[in-house]
Structures are given as C-alpha cells and as structure tokens.
Amino acid sequence: MGLRDILSGRKKLPGPKDDRLFALTTAAVTLQVELGLKSASVGAITFKPQSSGEFRSAFDDIDKLLEAVAKQFGSTVERKSDEYGFDWIIVHDPDLEDIVGTAHTLASELTAQGFGEQLLAALFKFDGGAHPVYWIYGFKRGAFWPFIPIGKAERDNATELELKAKLEKELPIEQDLTRWLALFDAPL
C-alpha cells in the first residue's frame, strides 16, 4: 500500500498467491501411500465474475487458452455458475498434475489480465476415505486446508485436523482454522 492509497483511504488487495498450488502434486504421494487417498480426477477453480466488458473480453481469451491447455493435456473443461453468483471452471483429468497445471494456468492468466483479485479458491477432490476429501487452496492466503463434508451442512472436523497434522510439512496449510471455509455446494 503506497502513500497515495493511505491518503485517499483506499486499500489495495493483495494479489493471488498461485505459486504454492503445485505443492499438492508432491503431497499426492503421501496422500495415496500413507492415507489411502487418491485423486478423484476432478478439480476446479472458482472466482467472482465481473460484468465489465474488460472482464468478458479477458475471459474470451482465457476460454481459448483453456481449450488449448485442455487439448494439450487431454483434459475436459467445463464452466458452471453456482447459486451465489460465483463461476467455476471444472477440470476432469486422470492426472492430478494436469488438473493442478490447468488451475495454475487459469489463475496466472486472470492475474495477468488484472483480475487476480477475483480469484477465490481452487478445489481438488480425493477419494479413498469414508467420505470424499477436498483440498481447498485459498488464493489470497496461498494456503491449503482440508474439507470433508459428511452431510448437507456438516463436516468431519476431527479428520480434517488429522490431515492437517499429517501434511503440514508438505503443504502450506492455513494455520488460522477460522479461515477453513466450507464449500458444501461446490459443483464437482
């Protein structure tokens, strides 16, 4: 934040921290070997769309980039909106590295186009436990947290804390538990 921002009373939001996203690909070995969790071959990135013409134009470019990246990796990409007005780019691919790479590419391109502040989270689904396990990556904080829904509005906090303890040496884990937001209605 510069002097001009202080004097005008404006705050500049920090840009997204997408560089730590790749830590999930190395932690996947521990997830599978030690915890029995393997990628469910799906992940997503969510953001708050803007109605401005600049955003729509930038997203036309991003859609073309996504098509090219999906074709290169053999991924399937779809776009959905949820009931809260957030857009989701959902990536289906058997290879977790491709899913993470596509999410990173999209985040980088949105940031390059000046819309990095619109990025909210990336979500990666893993199977193998009693319930699906989601690893959520918060772009603003550059950290992951586990999310295990066990009902319509319930989550398995004990197992989430266990996962935190087992993976905090491999993943940048969000230490402030109040920031472990739930994404119960994620469209994946």
Protein backbone atom coordinates (compact mmCIF):
# COMPACT_ATOMS: atom_id res chain seq x y z
CA MET A 1 0.00 0.00 0.00
CA GLY A 2 1.51 3.33 -1.05
CA LEU A 3 1.25 6.84 0.35
CA ARG A 4 -1.37 7.79 -2.24
CA ASP A 5 -3.55 4.86 -1.12
CA ILE A 6 -3.20 5.86 2.53
CA LEU A 7 -4.13 9.48 1.82
CA SER A 8 -7.13 8.54 -0.31
CA GLY A 9 -8.28 5.88 2.17
CA ARG A 10 -8.11 3.09 -0.41
CA LYS A 11 -6.69 -0.30 0.29
CA LYS A 12 -5.14 -2.37 -2.42
CA LEU A 13 -5.98 -6.00 -2.02
CA PRO A 14 -3.08 -8.41 -2.23
CA GLY A 15 -2.79 -10.37 -5.45
CA PRO A 16 -3.35 -14.10 -5.56
CA LYS A 17 -0.61 -16.45 -4.45
CA ASP A 18 -0.83 -19.20 -7.03
CA ASP A 19 2.79 -20.36 -6.87
CA ARG A 20 2.19 -22.72 -3.92
CA LEU A 21 -0.52 -24.60 -5.77
CA PHE A 22 1.98 -27.16 -7.11
CA ALA A 23 2.77 -28.40 -3.59
CA LEU A 24 -0.31 -30.59 -3.89
CA THR A 25 1.28 -32.67 -6.64
CA THR A 26 4.19 -33.65 -4.39
CA ALA A 27 1.93 -34.23 -1.39
CA ALA A 28 -0.19 -36.59 -3.52
CA VAL A 29 2.32 -39.38 -2.85
CA THR A 30 1.79 -39.09 0.91
CA LEU A 31 -1.97 -38.78 0.40
CA GLN A 32 -2.07 -42.02 -1.57
CA VAL A 33 0.59 -44.15 0.12
CA GLU A 34 0.10 -43.20 3.77
CA LEU A 35 -3.54 -42.14 3.83
CA GLY A 36 -5.12 -44.17 1.03
CA LEU A 37 -6.47 -41.06 -0.72
CA LYS A 38 -6.14 -40.73 -4.47
CA SER A 39 -7.24 -38.02 -6.85
CA ALA A 40 -10.86 -38.33 -7.96
CA SER A 41 -9.71 -36.94 -11.34
CA VAL A 42 -11.52 -33.65 -10.85
CA GLY A 43 -10.62 -30.19 -9.62
CA ALA A 44 -11.94 -26.67 -10.01
CA ILE A 45 -11.14 -23.04 -9.66
CA THR A 46 -13.74 -20.53 -8.51
CA PHE A 47 -13.89 -16.77 -8.92
CA LYS A 48 -16.29 -13.87 -8.70
CA PRO A 49 -17.10 -12.72 -12.24
CA GLN A 50 -17.45 -9.07 -13.11
CA SER A 51 -19.98 -7.69 -15.53
CA SER A 52 -17.50 -5.29 -17.12
CA GLY A 53 -16.69 -5.53 -20.80
CA GLU A 54 -12.99 -5.82 -19.94
CA PHE A 55 -13.65 -8.93 -17.86
CA ARG A 56 -15.77 -10.53 -20.59
CA SER A 57 -13.11 -9.77 -23.19
CA ALA A 58 -10.36 -11.16 -20.96
CA PHE A 59 -12.42 -14.26 -20.34
CA ASP A 60 -12.87 -14.85 -24.06
CA ASP A 61 -9.06 -15.03 -24.25
CA ILE A 62 -8.94 -17.28 -21.19
CA ASP A 63 -11.58 -19.62 -22.67
CA LYS A 64 -9.39 -20.01 -25.77
CA LEU A 65 -6.36 -20.65 -23.57
CA LEU A 66 -8.29 -23.22 -21.53
CA GLU A 67 -9.34 -25.05 -24.66
CA ALA A 68 -5.71 -25.19 -25.81
CA VAL A 69 -4.44 -26.35 -22.39
CA ALA A 70 -7.21 -28.95 -22.11
CA LYS A 71 -6.41 -30.26 -25.57
CA GLN A 72 -2.68 -30.39 -24.77
CA PHE A 73 -3.23 -32.39 -21.57
CA GLY A 74 -6.23 -34.40 -22.75
CA SER A 75 -8.42 -32.81 -20.06
CA THR A 76 -12.10 -31.97 -20.19
CA VAL A 77 -13.03 -28.50 -19.01
CA GLU A 78 -16.49 -27.15 -18.21
CA ARG A 79 -17.76 -23.88 -16.78
CA LYS A 80 -20.62 -23.57 -14.28
CA SER A 81 -22.14 -20.89 -12.09
CA ASP A 82 -23.44 -21.51 -8.60
CA GLU A 83 -26.40 -20.08 -6.73
CA TYR A 84 -24.17 -17.49 -5.02
CA GLY A 85 -23.01 -15.92 -8.29
CA PHE A 86 -19.55 -17.49 -8.42
CA ASP A 87 -18.19 -19.05 -11.59
CA TRP A 88 -16.43 -22.40 -11.58
CA ILE A 89 -14.02 -23.84 -14.11
CA ILE A 90 -14.09 -27.60 -13.57
CA VAL A 91 -11.27 -29.76 -14.89
CA HIS A 92 -11.63 -33.52 -15.41
CA ASP A 93 -8.39 -35.41 -15.95
CA PRO A 94 -6.97 -38.68 -14.61
CA ASP A 95 -3.66 -36.95 -13.88
CA LEU A 96 -3.57 -34.67 -10.81
CA GLU A 97 -0.57 -32.77 -12.23
CA ASP A 98 -2.66 -31.79 -15.26
CA ILE A 99 -5.53 -30.61 -13.07
CA VAL A 100 -3.20 -28.51 -10.91
CA GLY A 101 -1.40 -27.19 -14.00
CA THR A 102 -4.67 -26.11 -15.62
CA ALA A 103 -5.82 -24.39 -12.41
CA HIS A 104 -2.47 -22.59 -12.17
CA THR A 105 -2.61 -21.52 -15.83
CA LEU A 106 -6.08 -20.06 -15.38
CA ALA A 107 -5.11 -18.26 -12.17
CA SER A 108 -1.98 -16.85 -13.81
CA GLU A 109 -3.90 -15.65 -16.84
CA LEU A 110 -6.63 -13.97 -14.76
CA THR A 111 -3.90 -12.26 -12.75
CA ALA A 112 -2.06 -11.16 -15.90
CA GLN A 113 -5.30 -9.67 -17.23
CA GLY A 114 -5.72 -7.67 -13.99
CA PHE A 115 -8.43 -9.81 -12.42
CA GLY A 116 -6.39 -11.71 -9.83
CA GLU A 117 -8.42 -10.20 -7.02
CA GLN A 118 -11.48 -12.05 -8.36
CA LEU A 119 -9.87 -15.45 -7.65
CA LEU A 120 -11.28 -17.19 -4.60
CA ALA A 121 -10.16 -20.79 -4.38
CA ALA A 122 -9.09 -23.95 -6.12
CA LEU A 123 -10.67 -27.23 -5.06
CA PHE A 124 -9.29 -30.75 -5.57
CA LYS A 125 -11.28 -33.88 -4.79
CA PHE A 126 -9.76 -37.09 -3.38
CA ASP A 127 -11.44 -40.45 -2.81
CA GLY A 128 -10.49 -43.40 -0.61
CA GLY A 129 -11.83 -42.42 2.79
CA ALA A 130 -15.26 -42.86 4.33
CA HIS A 131 -16.22 -39.56 2.65
CA PRO A 132 -14.67 -37.59 -0.20
CA VAL A 133 -11.82 -35.33 0.90
CA TYR A 134 -11.42 -31.94 -0.70
CA TRP A 135 -8.23 -29.93 -0.54
CA ILE A 136 -9.09 -26.27 -0.90
CA TYR A 137 -6.46 -23.72 -1.86
CA GLY A 138 -7.19 -20.11 -0.90
CA PHE A 139 -5.53 -17.81 -3.41
CA LYS A 140 -5.48 -14.77 -1.09
CA ARG A 141 -3.55 -16.57 1.64
CA GLY A 142 -1.61 -19.03 -0.51
CA ALA A 143 -2.53 -21.98 1.71
CA PHE A 144 -4.48 -25.23 1.65
CA TRP A 145 -6.97 -26.70 4.09
CA PRO A 146 -8.87 -29.98 4.08
CA PHE A 147 -12.63 -30.10 3.83
CA ILE A 148 -14.61 -33.31 4.46
CA PRO A 149 -18.37 -32.92 4.15
CA ILE A 150 -20.34 -35.64 5.92
CA GLY A 151 -23.82 -34.26 5.43
CA LYS A 152 -25.70 -31.37 3.92
CA ALA A 153 -24.15 -28.86 6.31
CA GLU A 154 -21.81 -30.98 8.46
CA ARG A 155 -18.12 -31.62 8.19
CA ASP A 156 -15.68 -34.05 9.78
CA ASN A 157 -13.53 -31.63 11.79
CA ALA A 158 -11.57 -34.35 13.60
CA THR A 159 -10.35 -35.97 10.37
CA GLU A 160 -9.64 -32.55 8.87
CA LEU A 161 -7.37 -31.75 11.83
CA GLU A 162 -5.70 -35.15 11.45
CA LEU A 163 -4.96 -34.40 7.80
CA LYS A 164 -3.58 -31.01 8.77
CA ALA A 165 -1.17 -32.63 11.23
CA LYS A 166 -0.05 -35.28 8.73
CA LEU A 167 0.50 -32.94 5.78
CA GLU A 168 1.61 -29.60 7.19
CA LYS A 169 5.26 -30.43 6.46
CA GLU A 170 4.44 -30.99 2.77
CA LEU A 171 1.69 -28.48 2.09
CA PRO A 172 1.36 -24.83 3.03
CA ILE A 173 -1.56 -25.34 5.44
CA GLU A 174 -3.75 -22.44 6.56
CA GLN A 175 -2.98 -22.11 10.26
CA ASP A 176 -5.99 -19.94 11.11
CA LEU A 177 -8.78 -22.51 11.45
CA THR A 178 -11.44 -19.79 11.21
CA ARG A 179 -10.40 -19.40 7.57
CA TRP A 180 -11.11 -23.05 6.75
CA LEU A 181 -14.21 -22.22 4.78
CA ALA A 182 -16.56 -24.97 3.67
CA LEU A 183 -17.69 -25.31 0.08
CA PHE A 184 -20.70 -27.57 0.55
CA ASP A 185 -22.36 -26.69 -2.75
CA ALA A 186 -19.31 -26.88 -5.00
CA PRO A 187 -20.40 -28.25 -8.39
CA LEU A 188 -17.96 -31.18 -8.50
